[in-house]
Amino acid sequence: CALSGRSFTMYAMGWFRQAPGKEREFVAAISRSGISTYYADSVKGR
């Protein structure tokens, strides 16, 4: 996922997903520094 228009290093980033007929759900997130990450239980380890 490429970010343009502003400085990328100012942003924390996240991934979400939405399956047909379902609510959008959190998948993974990463801090601005890249040091911290967090995952949904359904994808942790994969």
All heavy atoms as atom14 arrays in JSON, in Angstrom:
{
  "sequence": "CALSGRSFTMYAMGWFRQAPGKEREFVAAISRSGISTYYADSVKGR",
  "atom14_mask": [
    [1, 1, 1, 1, 1, 1, 0, 0, 0, 0, 0, 0, 0, 0],
    [1, 1, 1, 1, 1, 0, 0, 0, 0, 0, 0, 0, 0, 0],
    [1, 1, 1, 1, 1, 1, 1, 1, 0, 0, 0, 0, 0, 0],
    [1, 1, 1, 1, 1, 1, 0, 0, 0, 0, 0, 0, 0, 0],
    [1, 1, 1, 1, 0, 0, 0, 0, 0, 0, 0, 0, 0, 0],
    [1, 1, 1, 1, 1, 1, 1, 1, 1, 1, 1, 0, 0, 0],
    [1, 1, 1, 1, 1, 1, 0, 0, 0, 0, 0, 0, 0, 0],
    [1, 1, 1, 1, 1, 1, 1, 1, 1, 1, 1, 0, 0, 0],
    [1, 1, 1, 1, 1, 1, 1, 0, 0, 0, 0, 0, 0, 0],
    [1, 1, 1, 1, 1, 1, 1, 1, 0, 0, 0, 0, 0, 0],
    [1, 1, 1, 1, 1, 1, 1, 1, 1, 1, 1, 1, 0, 0],
    [1, 1, 1, 1, 1, 0, 0, 0, 0, 0, 0, 0, 0, 0],
    [1, 1, 1, 1, 1, 1, 1, 1, 0, 0, 0, 0, 0, 0],
    [1, 1, 1, 1, 0, 0, 0, 0, 0, 0, 0, 0, 0, 0],
    [1, 1, 1, 1, 1, 1, 1, 1, 1, 1, 1, 1, 1, 1],
    [1, 1, 1, 1, 1, 1, 1, 1, 1, 1, 1, 0, 0, 0],
    [1, 1, 1, 1, 1, 1, 1, 1, 1, 1, 1, 0, 0, 0],
    [1, 1, 1, 1, 1, 1, 1, 1, 1, 0, 0, 0, 0, 0],
    [1, 1, 1, 1, 1, 0, 0, 0, 0, 0, 0, 0, 0, 0],
    [1, 1, 1, 1, 1, 1, 1, 0, 0, 0, 0, 0, 0, 0],
    [1, 1, 1, 1, 0, 0, 0, 0, 0, 0, 0, 0, 0, 0],
    [1, 1, 1, 1, 1, 1, 1, 1, 1, 0, 0, 0, 0, 0],
    [1, 1, 1, 1, 1, 1, 1, 1, 1, 0, 0, 0, 0, 0],
    [1, 1, 1, 1, 1, 1, 1, 1, 1, 1, 1, 0, 0, 0],
    [1, 1, 1, 1, 1, 1, 1, 1, 1, 0, 0, 0, 0, 0],
    [1, 1, 1, 1, 1, 1, 1, 1, 1, 1, 1, 0, 0, 0],
    [1, 1, 1, 1, 1, 1, 1, 0, 0, 0, 0, 0, 0, 0],
    [1, 1, 1, 1, 1, 0, 0, 0, 0, 0, 0, 0, 0, 0],
    [1, 1, 1, 1, 1, 0, 0, 0, 0, 0, 0, 0, 0, 0],
    [1, 1, 1, 1, 1, 1, 1, 1, 0, 0, 0, 0, 0, 0],
    [1, 1, 1, 1, 1, 1, 0, 0, 0, 0, 0, 0, 0, 0],
    [1, 1, 1, 1, 1, 1, 1, 1, 1, 1, 1, 0, 0, 0],
    [1, 1, 1, 1, 1, 1, 0, 0, 0, 0, 0, 0, 0, 0],
    [1, 1, 1, 1, 0, 0, 0, 0, 0, 0, 0, 0, 0, 0],
    [1, 1, 1, 1, 1, 1, 1, 1, 0, 0, 0, 0, 0, 0],
    [1, 1, 1, 1, 1, 1, 0, 0, 0, 0, 0, 0, 0, 0],
    [1, 1, 1, 1, 1, 1, 1, 0, 0, 0, 0, 0, 0, 0],
    [1, 1, 1, 1, 1, 1, 1, 1, 1, 1, 1, 1, 0, 0],
    [1, 1, 1, 1, 1, 1, 1, 1, 1, 1, 1, 1, 0, 0],
    [1, 1, 1, 1, 1, 0, 0, 0, 0, 0, 0, 0, 0, 0],
    [1, 1, 1, 1, 1, 1, 1, 1, 0, 0, 0, 0, 0, 0],
    [1, 1, 1, 1, 1, 1, 0, 0, 0, 0, 0, 0, 0, 0],
    [1, 1, 1, 1, 1, 1, 1, 0, 0, 0, 0, 0, 0, 0],
    [1, 1, 1, 1, 1, 1, 1, 1, 1, 0, 0, 0, 0, 0],
    [1, 1, 1, 1, 0, 0, 0, 0, 0, 0, 0, 0, 0, 0],
    [1, 1, 1, 1, 1, 1, 1, 1, 1, 1, 1, 0, 0, 0]
  ],
  "atom14_positions": [
    [[0.87, -1.18, 0.0], [0.0, 0.0, 0.0], [0.9, 1.22, 0.0], [1.66, 1.43, 0.95], [-0.91, 0.01, 1.21], [-1.83, 1.56, 1.42], [0.0, 0.0, 0.0], [0.0, 0.0, 0.0], [0.0, 0.0, 0.0], [0.0, 0.0, 0.0], [0.0, 0.0, 0.0], [0.0, 0.0, 0.0], [0.0, 0.0, 0.0], [0.0, 0.0, 0.0]],
    [[0.82, 2.0, -1.07], [1.67, 3.18, -1.21], [0.93, 4.44, -0.81], [-0.22, 4.65, -1.23], [2.16, 3.3, -2.65], [0.0, 0.0, 0.0], [0.0, 0.0, 0.0], [0.0, 0.0, 0.0], [0.0, 0.0, 0.0], [0.0, 0.0, 0.0], [0.0, 0.0, 0.0], [0.0, 0.0, 0.0], [0.0, 0.0, 0.0], [0.0, 0.0, 0.0]],
    [[1.58, 5.27, -0.02], [1.02, 6.55, 0.41], [1.69, 7.68, -0.35], [2.93, 7.69, -0.48], [1.22, 6.72, 1.91], [0.59, 7.97, 2.57], [0.18, 7.67, 4.02], [1.55, 9.17, 2.54], [0.0, 0.0, 0.0], [0.0, 0.0, 0.0], [0.0, 0.0, 0.0], [0.0, 0.0, 0.0], [0.0, 0.0, 0.0], [0.0, 0.0, 0.0]],
    [[0.9, 8.62, -0.85], [1.44, 9.8, -1.52], [0.71, 11.04, -1.03], [-0.37, 10.96, -0.47], [1.29, 9.66, -3.04], [-0.08, 9.59, -3.4], [0.0, 0.0, 0.0], [0.0, 0.0, 0.0], [0.0, 0.0, 0.0], [0.0, 0.0, 0.0], [0.0, 0.0, 0.0], [0.0, 0.0, 0.0], [0.0, 0.0, 0.0], [0.0, 0.0, 0.0]],
    [[1.36, 12.17, -1.25], [0.74, 13.44, -0.92], [1.25, 14.08, 0.36], [1.15, 15.29, 0.52], [0.0, 0.0, 0.0], [0.0, 0.0, 0.0], [0.0, 0.0, 0.0], [0.0, 0.0, 0.0], [0.0, 0.0, 0.0], [0.0, 0.0, 0.0], [0.0, 0.0, 0.0], [0.0, 0.0, 0.0], [0.0, 0.0, 0.0], [0.0, 0.0, 0.0]],
    [[1.73, 13.29, 1.27], [2.28, 13.8, 2.52], [3.44, 12.91, 2.93], [3.69, 11.87, 2.34], [1.21, 13.81, 3.62], [0.04, 14.73, 3.37], [0.41, 16.21, 3.51], [0.85, 16.56, 4.83], [0.04, 16.88, 5.83], [-1.27, 16.89, 5.66], [0.54, 17.2, 7.01], [0.0, 0.0, 0.0], [0.0, 0.0, 0.0], [0.0, 0.0, 0.0]],
    [[4.13, 13.3, 3.99], [5.26, 12.5, 4.47], [4.79, 11.21, 5.13], [4.08, 11.23, 6.14], [6.07, 13.32, 5.47], [7.09, 12.53, 6.02], [0.0, 0.0, 0.0], [0.0, 0.0, 0.0], [0.0, 0.0, 0.0], [0.0, 0.0, 0.0], [0.0, 0.0, 0.0], [0.0, 0.0, 0.0], [0.0, 0.0, 0.0], [0.0, 0.0, 0.0]],
    [[5.18, 10.09, 4.56], [4.75, 8.77, 5.05], [5.14, 8.56, 6.5], [4.41, 7.91, 7.26], [5.39, 7.7, 4.15], [5.05, 6.29, 4.51], [3.74, 5.83, 4.41], [6.03, 5.4, 4.92], [3.43, 4.51, 4.71], [5.74, 4.09, 5.23], [4.43, 3.64, 5.12], [0.0, 0.0, 0.0], [0.0, 0.0, 0.0], [0.0, 0.0, 0.0]],
    [[6.26, 9.11, 6.9], [6.76, 8.86, 8.25], [5.93, 9.55, 9.33], [6.14, 9.3, 10.51], [8.23, 9.32, 8.38], [8.31, 10.71, 8.03], [9.13, 8.51, 7.46], [0.0, 0.0, 0.0], [0.0, 0.0, 0.0], [0.0, 0.0, 0.0], [0.0, 0.0, 0.0], [0.0, 0.0, 0.0], [0.0, 0.0, 0.0], [0.0, 0.0, 0.0]],
    [[4.96, 10.36, 8.96], [4.08, 11.01, 9.93], [2.9, 10.14, 10.3], [2.11, 10.5, 11.18], [3.56, 12.32, 9.35], [4.61, 13.39, 9.2], [5.23, 13.95, 10.8], [3.75, 14.72, 11.47], [0.0, 0.0, 0.0], [0.0, 0.0, 0.0], [0.0, 0.0, 0.0], [0.0, 0.0, 0.0], [0.0, 0.0, 0.0], [0.0, 0.0, 0.0]],
    [[2.75, 8.96, 9.66], [1.53, 8.18, 9.79], [1.74, 6.81, 10.41], [2.66, 6.07, 10.03], [0.89, 8.0, 8.41], [0.42, 9.31, 7.82], [1.28, 10.1, 7.08], [-0.87, 9.76, 8.05], [0.86, 11.31, 6.55], [-1.3, 10.97, 7.53], [-0.43, 11.74, 6.79], [-0.84, 12.94, 6.28], [0.0, 0.0, 0.0], [0.0, 0.0, 0.0]],
    [[0.85, 6.48, 11.33], [0.67, 5.09, 11.72], [-0.26, 4.46, 10.68], [-1.13, 5.13, 10.14], [0.06, 4.98, 13.11], [0.0, 0.0, 0.0], [0.0, 0.0, 0.0], [0.0, 0.0, 0.0], [0.0, 0.0, 0.0], [0.0, 0.0, 0.0], [0.0, 0.0, 0.0], [0.0, 0.0, 0.0], [0.0, 0.0, 0.0], [0.0, 0.0, 0.0]],
    [[-0.06, 3.17, 10.42], [-0.78, 2.52, 9.33], [-1.52, 1.29, 9.83], [-1.12, 0.65, 10.81], [0.21, 2.09, 8.24], [1.05, 3.23, 7.66], [0.08, 4.46, 6.79], [-0.52, 3.5, 5.4], [0.0, 0.0, 0.0], [0.0, 0.0, 0.0], [0.0, 0.0, 0.0], [0.0, 0.0, 0.0], [0.0, 0.0, 0.0], [0.0, 0.0, 0.0]],
    [[-2.57, 0.96, 9.11], [-3.34, -0.23, 9.46], [-3.88, -0.92, 8.22], [-3.99, -0.31, 7.15], [0.0, 0.0, 0.0], [0.0, 0.0, 0.0], [0.0, 0.0, 0.0], [0.0, 0.0, 0.0], [0.0, 0.0, 0.0], [0.0, 0.0, 0.0], [0.0, 0.0, 0.0], [0.0, 0.0, 0.0], [0.0, 0.0, 0.0], [0.0, 0.0, 0.0]],
    [[-4.18, -2.18, 8.38], [-4.87, -2.98, 7.35], [-6.19, -3.47, 7.94], [-6.24, -3.95, 9.08], [-4.04, -4.18, 6.92], [-2.92, -3.86, 5.98], [-1.61, -3.65, 6.31], [-3.0, -3.72, 4.56], [-0.88, -3.39, 5.18], [-1.7, -3.43, 4.09], [-4.04, -3.82, 3.63], [-1.42, -3.24, 2.73], [-3.76, -3.63, 2.3], [-2.47, -3.34, 1.85]],
    [[-7.22, -3.38, 7.13], [-8.54, -3.89, 7.47], [-9.02, -4.75, 6.31], [-8.45, -4.7, 5.22], [-9.52, -2.73, 7.7], [-9.2, -1.91, 8.92], [-8.16, -0.99, 8.91], [-9.93, -2.06, 10.09], [-7.85, -0.23, 10.04], [-9.63, -1.33, 11.22], [-8.59, -0.41, 11.2], [0.0, 0.0, 0.0], [0.0, 0.0, 0.0], [0.0, 0.0, 0.0]],
    [[-10.09, -5.51, 6.56], [-10.67, -6.29, 5.47], [-12.17, -6.35, 5.62], [-12.71, -6.22, 6.71], [-10.07, -7.69, 5.42], [-10.42, -8.58, 6.6], [-9.65, -9.89, 6.5], [-9.97, -10.79, 7.6], [-9.36, -11.95, 7.82], [-8.39, -12.36, 7.02], [-9.72, -12.7, 8.85], [0.0, 0.0, 0.0], [0.0, 0.0, 0.0], [0.0, 0.0, 0.0]],
    [[-12.83, -6.55, 4.48], [-14.28, -6.66, 4.48], [-14.69, -7.77, 3.53], [-14.44, -7.68, 2.32], [-14.93, -5.34, 4.08], [-16.44, -5.35, 4.24], [-17.04, -3.98, 4.26], [-16.43, -2.99, 3.84], [-18.25, -3.87, 4.78], [0.0, 0.0, 0.0], [0.0, 0.0, 0.0], [0.0, 0.0, 0.0], [0.0, 0.0, 0.0], [0.0, 0.0, 0.0]],
    [[-15.32, -8.77, 4.09], [-15.83, -9.89, 3.3], [-17.27, -9.58, 2.92], [-17.95, -8.8, 3.59], [-15.75, -11.17, 4.12], [0.0, 0.0, 0.0], [0.0, 0.0, 0.0], [0.0, 0.0, 0.0], [0.0, 0.0, 0.0], [0.0, 0.0, 0.0], [0.0, 0.0, 0.0], [0.0, 0.0, 0.0], [0.0, 0.0, 0.0], [0.0, 0.0, 0.0]],
    [[-17.77, -10.22, 1.85], [-19.14, -9.97, 1.42], [-20.15, -10.24, 2.53], [-20.11, -11.29, 3.18], [-19.33, -10.96, 0.26], [-17.96, -11.22, -0.24], [-17.06, -11.15, 0.96], [0.0, 0.0, 0.0], [0.0, 0.0, 0.0], [0.0, 0.0, 0.0], [0.0, 0.0, 0.0], [0.0, 0.0, 0.0], [0.0, 0.0, 0.0], [0.0, 0.0, 0.0]],
    [[-21.01, -9.27, 2.77], [-22.05, -9.44, 3.77], [-21.59, -9.31, 5.21], [-22.36, -9.56, 6.14], [0.0, 0.0, 0.0], [0.0, 0.0, 0.0], [0.0, 0.0, 0.0], [0.0, 0.0, 0.0], [0.0, 0.0, 0.0], [0.0, 0.0, 0.0], [0.0, 0.0, 0.0], [0.0, 0.0, 0.0], [0.0, 0.0, 0.0], [0.0, 0.0, 0.0]],
    [[-20.34, -8.93, 5.4], [-19.79, -8.83, 6.76], [-19.3, -7.41, 7.04], [-19.04, -6.63, 6.12], [-18.66, -9.83, 6.96], [-19.1, -11.29, 6.91], [-17.98, -12.21, 7.34], [-18.44, -13.65, 7.38], [-17.35, -14.57, 7.84], [0.0, 0.0, 0.0], [0.0, 0.0, 0.0], [0.0, 0.0, 0.0], [0.0, 0.0, 0.0], [0.0, 0.0, 0.0]],
    [[-19.15, -7.12, 8.32], [-18.6, -5.84, 8.73], [-17.11, -5.78, 8.41], [-16.41, -6.8, 8.39], [-18.79, -5.65, 10.23], [-20.23, -5.63, 10.7], [-20.89, -4.3, 10.4], [-20.21, -3.27, 10.5], [-22.09, -4.3, 10.07], [0.0, 0.0, 0.0], [0.0, 0.0, 0.0], [0.0, 0.0, 0.0], [0.0, 0.0, 0.0], [0.0, 0.0, 0.0]],
    [[-16.63, -4.56, 8.19], [-15.19, -4.37, 8.02], [-14.5, -4.68, 9.35], [-14.99, -4.29, 10.42], [-14.9, -2.93, 7.61], [-13.44, -2.66, 7.28], [-13.26, -1.23, 6.81], [-13.98, -0.99, 5.56], [-14.0, 0.2, 4.94], [-13.34, 1.22, 5.45], [-14.66, 0.35, 3.82], [0.0, 0.0, 0.0], [0.0, 0.0, 0.0], [0.0, 0.0, 0.0]],
    [[-13.37, -5.39, 9.29], [-12.69, -5.78, 10.51], [-11.22, -5.45, 10.46], [-10.6, -5.43, 9.38], [-12.88, -7.28, 10.78], [-12.25, -8.2, 9.75], [-12.36, -9.67, 10.14], [-12.95, -9.99, 11.19], [-11.84, -10.51, 9.37], [0.0, 0.0, 0.0], [0.0, 0.0, 0.0], [0.0, 0.0, 0.0], [0.0, 0.0, 0.0], [0.0, 0.0, 0.0]],
    [[-10.67, -5.24, 11.63], [-9.25, -4.95, 11.77], [-8.42, -6.19, 11.48], [-8.8, -7.3, 11.86], [-8.97, -4.47, 13.19], [-7.53, -4.42, 13.56], [-6.71, -3.4, 13.12], [-6.97, -5.42, 14.35], [-5.37, -3.36, 13.46], [-5.64, -5.39, 14.7], [-4.84, -4.36, 14.26], [0.0, 0.0, 0.0], [0.0, 0.0, 0.0], [0.0, 0.0, 0.0]],
    [[-7.28, -6.0, 10.81], [-6.37, -7.09, 10.52], [-5.02, -6.89, 11.21], [-4.56, -7.76, 11.94], [-6.15, -7.23, 9.0], [-5.1, -8.3, 8.7], [-7.45, -7.56, 8.29], [0.0, 0.0, 0.0], [0.0, 0.0, 0.0], [0.0, 0.0, 0.0], [0.0, 0.0, 0.0], [0.0, 0.0, 0.0], [0.0, 0.0, 0.0], [0.0, 0.0, 0.0]],
    [[-4.38, -5.74, 10.96], [-3.04, -5.51, 11.51], [-2.76, -4.02, 11.53], [-3.34, -3.26, 10.75], [-1.99, -6.23, 10.68], [0.0, 0.0, 0.0], [0.0, 0.0, 0.0], [0.0, 0.0, 0.0], [0.0, 0.0, 0.0], [0.0, 0.0, 0.0], [0.0, 0.0, 0.0], [0.0, 0.0, 0.0], [0.0, 0.0, 0.0], [0.0, 0.0, 0.0]],
    [[-1.84, -3.63, 12.42], [-1.45, -2.22, 12.52], [0.03, -2.11, 12.82], [0.62, -3.02, 13.43], [-2.27, -1.52, 13.6], [0.0, 0.0, 0.0], [0.0, 0.0, 0.0], [0.0, 0.0, 0.0], [0.0, 0.0, 0.0], [0.0, 0.0, 0.0], [0.0, 0.0, 0.0], [0.0, 0.0, 0.0], [0.0, 0.0, 0.0], [0.0, 0.0, 0.0]],
    [[0.6, -0.99, 12.4], [2.02, -0.74, 12.65], [2.19, 0.72, 13.04], [1.51, 1.6, 12.52], [2.87, -1.12, 11.42], [4.35, -1.09, 11.73], [2.53, -0.21, 10.22], [5.2, -1.79, 10.68], [0.0, 0.0, 0.0], [0.0, 0.0, 0.0], [0.0, 0.0, 0.0], [0.0, 0.0, 0.0], [0.0, 0.0, 0.0], [0.0, 0.0, 0.0]],
    [[3.1, 0.95, 13.97], [3.33, 2.31, 14.45], [4.1, 3.13, 13.44], [4.66, 2.61, 12.47], [4.09, 2.26, 15.77], [5.37, 1.67, 15.57], [0.0, 0.0, 0.0], [0.0, 0.0, 0.0], [0.0, 0.0, 0.0], [0.0, 0.0, 0.0], [0.0, 0.0, 0.0], [0.0, 0.0, 0.0], [0.0, 0.0, 0.0], [0.0, 0.0, 0.0]],
    [[4.13, 4.4, 13.71], [4.86, 5.32, 12.84], [6.33, 4.91, 12.72], [6.92, 5.0, 11.65], [4.74, 6.72, 13.44], [5.49, 7.79, 12.72], [5.29, 9.12, 13.43], [6.21, 10.12, 12.93], [6.33, 11.35, 13.43], [5.54, 11.73, 14.44], [7.2, 12.19, 12.93], [0.0, 0.0, 0.0], [0.0, 0.0, 0.0], [0.0, 0.0, 0.0]],
    [[6.93, 4.45, 13.82], [8.34, 4.05, 13.83], [8.56, 2.69, 13.21], [9.68, 2.35, 12.83], [8.85, 4.02, 15.26], [8.18, 3.01, 15.99], [0.0, 0.0, 0.0], [0.0, 0.0, 0.0], [0.0, 0.0, 0.0], [0.0, 0.0, 0.0], [0.0, 0.0, 0.0], [0.0, 0.0, 0.0], [0.0, 0.0, 0.0], [0.0, 0.0, 0.0]],
    [[7.49, 1.89, 13.12], [7.64, 0.52, 12.65], [8.01, -0.47, 13.75], [8.05, -1.67, 13.51], [0.0, 0.0, 0.0], [0.0, 0.0, 0.0], [0.0, 0.0, 0.0], [0.0, 0.0, 0.0], [0.0, 0.0, 0.0], [0.0, 0.0, 0.0], [0.0, 0.0, 0.0], [0.0, 0.0, 0.0], [0.0, 0.0, 0.0], [0.0, 0.0, 0.0]],
    [[8.26, 0.04, 14.94], [8.69, -0.82, 16.04], [7.54, -1.62, 16.62], [7.68, -2.79, 16.98], [9.38, 0.02, 17.12], [10.71, 0.56, 16.59], [9.59, -0.79, 18.4], [11.42, 1.5, 17.54], [0.0, 0.0, 0.0], [0.0, 0.0, 0.0], [0.0, 0.0, 0.0], [0.0, 0.0, 0.0], [0.0, 0.0, 0.0], [0.0, 0.0, 0.0]],
    [[6.37, -1.0, 16.7], [5.21, -1.67, 17.3], [4.28, -2.19, 16.23], [4.02, -1.51, 15.24], [4.45, -0.69, 18.19], [5.28, -0.13, 19.18], [0.0, 0.0, 0.0], [0.0, 0.0, 0.0], [0.0, 0.0, 0.0], [0.0, 0.0, 0.0], [0.0, 0.0, 0.0], [0.0, 0.0, 0.0], [0.0, 0.0, 0.0], [0.0, 0.0, 0.0]],
    [[3.81, -3.42, 16.43], [2.81, -4.01, 15.54], [1.74, -4.69, 16.39], [1.98, -5.03, 17.55], [3.42, -5.03, 14.57], [4.06, -6.07, 15.32], [4.43, -4.38, 13.64], [0.0, 0.0, 0.0], [0.0, 0.0, 0.0], [0.0, 0.0, 0.0], [0.0, 0.0, 0.0], [0.0, 0.0, 0.0], [0.0, 0.0, 0.0], [0.0, 0.0, 0.0]],
    [[0.59, -4.9, 15.75], [-0.52, -5.57, 16.46], [-1.37, -6.28, 15.43], [-1.55, -5.79, 14.31], [-1.35, -4.54, 17.23], [-2.34, -5.16, 18.18], [-1.92, -5.62, 19.43], [-3.67, -5.31, 17.85], [-2.82, -6.19, 20.31], [-4.57, -5.88, 18.71], [-4.15, -6.31, 19.95], [-5.03, -6.89, 20.81], [0.0, 0.0, 0.0], [0.0, 0.0, 0.0]],
    [[-1.89, -7.46, 15.82], [-2.63, -8.29, 14.88], [-3.95, -8.75, 15.47], [-4.05, -8.99, 16.67], [-1.81, -9.52, 14.5], [-0.51, -9.18, 13.81], [0.67, -9.02, 14.54], [-0.45, -9.01, 12.43], [1.85, -8.69, 13.92], [0.74, -8.69, 11.8], [1.89, -8.53, 12.55], [3.07, -8.21, 11.94], [0.0, 0.0, 0.0], [0.0, 0.0, 0.0]],
    [[-4.91, -8.95, 14.59], [-6.12, -9.64, 14.99], [-5.79, -11.09, 15.29], [-4.89, -11.68, 14.67], [-7.16, -9.56, 13.86], [0.0, 0.0, 0.0], [0.0, 0.0, 0.0], [0.0, 0.0, 0.0], [0.0, 0.0, 0.0], [0.0, 0.0, 0.0], [0.0, 0.0, 0.0], [0.0, 0.0, 0.0], [0.0, 0.0, 0.0], [0.0, 0.0, 0.0]],
    [[-6.5, -11.67, 16.23], [-6.23, -13.06, 16.6], [-6.36, -14.01, 15.4], [-5.63, -14.99, 15.31], [-7.19, -13.5, 17.7], [-6.87, -12.88, 19.05], [-5.74, -12.36, 19.21], [-7.75, -12.9, 19.93], [0.0, 0.0, 0.0], [0.0, 0.0, 0.0], [0.0, 0.0, 0.0], [0.0, 0.0, 0.0], [0.0, 0.0, 0.0], [0.0, 0.0, 0.0]],
    [[-7.26, -13.68, 14.5], [-7.52, -14.58, 13.36], [-6.35, -14.67, 12.38], [-6.29, -15.61, 11.59], [-8.77, -14.11, 12.61], [-8.6, -12.78, 12.15], [0.0, 0.0, 0.0], [0.0, 0.0, 0.0], [0.0, 0.0, 0.0], [0.0, 0.0, 0.0], [0.0, 0.0, 0.0], [0.0, 0.0, 0.0], [0.0, 0.0, 0.0], [0.0, 0.0, 0.0]],
    [[-5.43, -13.7, 12.43], [-4.3, -13.71, 11.48], [-2.95, -13.82, 12.18], [-1.92, -13.95, 11.5], [-4.32, -12.45, 10.59], [-5.68, -12.31, 9.9], [-3.97, -11.2, 11.37], [0.0, 0.0, 0.0], [0.0, 0.0, 0.0], [0.0, 0.0, 0.0], [0.0, 0.0, 0.0], [0.0, 0.0, 0.0], [0.0, 0.0, 0.0], [0.0, 0.0, 0.0]],
    [[-2.95, -13.77, 13.49], [-1.7, -13.8, 14.24], [-0.92, -15.06, 13.91], [-1.46, -16.17, 13.9], [-1.99, -13.72, 15.73], [-0.84, -13.26, 16.59], [-1.29, -13.04, 18.03], [-2.32, -11.94, 18.15], [-2.72, -11.69, 19.56], [0.0, 0.0, 0.0], [0.0, 0.0, 0.0], [0.0, 0.0, 0.0], [0.0, 0.0, 0.0], [0.0, 0.0, 0.0]],
    [[0.37, -14.9, 13.62], [1.21, -16.03, 13.27], [1.22, -16.36, 11.79], [2.07, -17.12, 11.32], [0.0, 0.0, 0.0], [0.0, 0.0, 0.0], [0.0, 0.0, 0.0], [0.0, 0.0, 0.0], [0.0, 0.0, 0.0], [0.0, 0.0, 0.0], [0.0, 0.0, 0.0], [0.0, 0.0, 0.0], [0.0, 0.0, 0.0], [0.0, 0.0, 0.0]],
    [[0.28, -15.8, 11.03], [0.22, -16.04, 9.58], [0.51, -14.78, 8.78], [1.09, -14.85, 7.7], [-1.16, -16.58, 9.18], [-1.54, -17.88, 9.84], [-2.83, -18.45, 9.26], [-3.97, -17.57, 9.48], [-4.72, -17.07, 8.5], [-4.47, -17.37, 7.24], [-5.76, -16.28, 8.79], [0.0, 0.0, 0.0], [0.0, 0.0, 0.0], [0.0, 0.0, 0.0]]
  ]
}
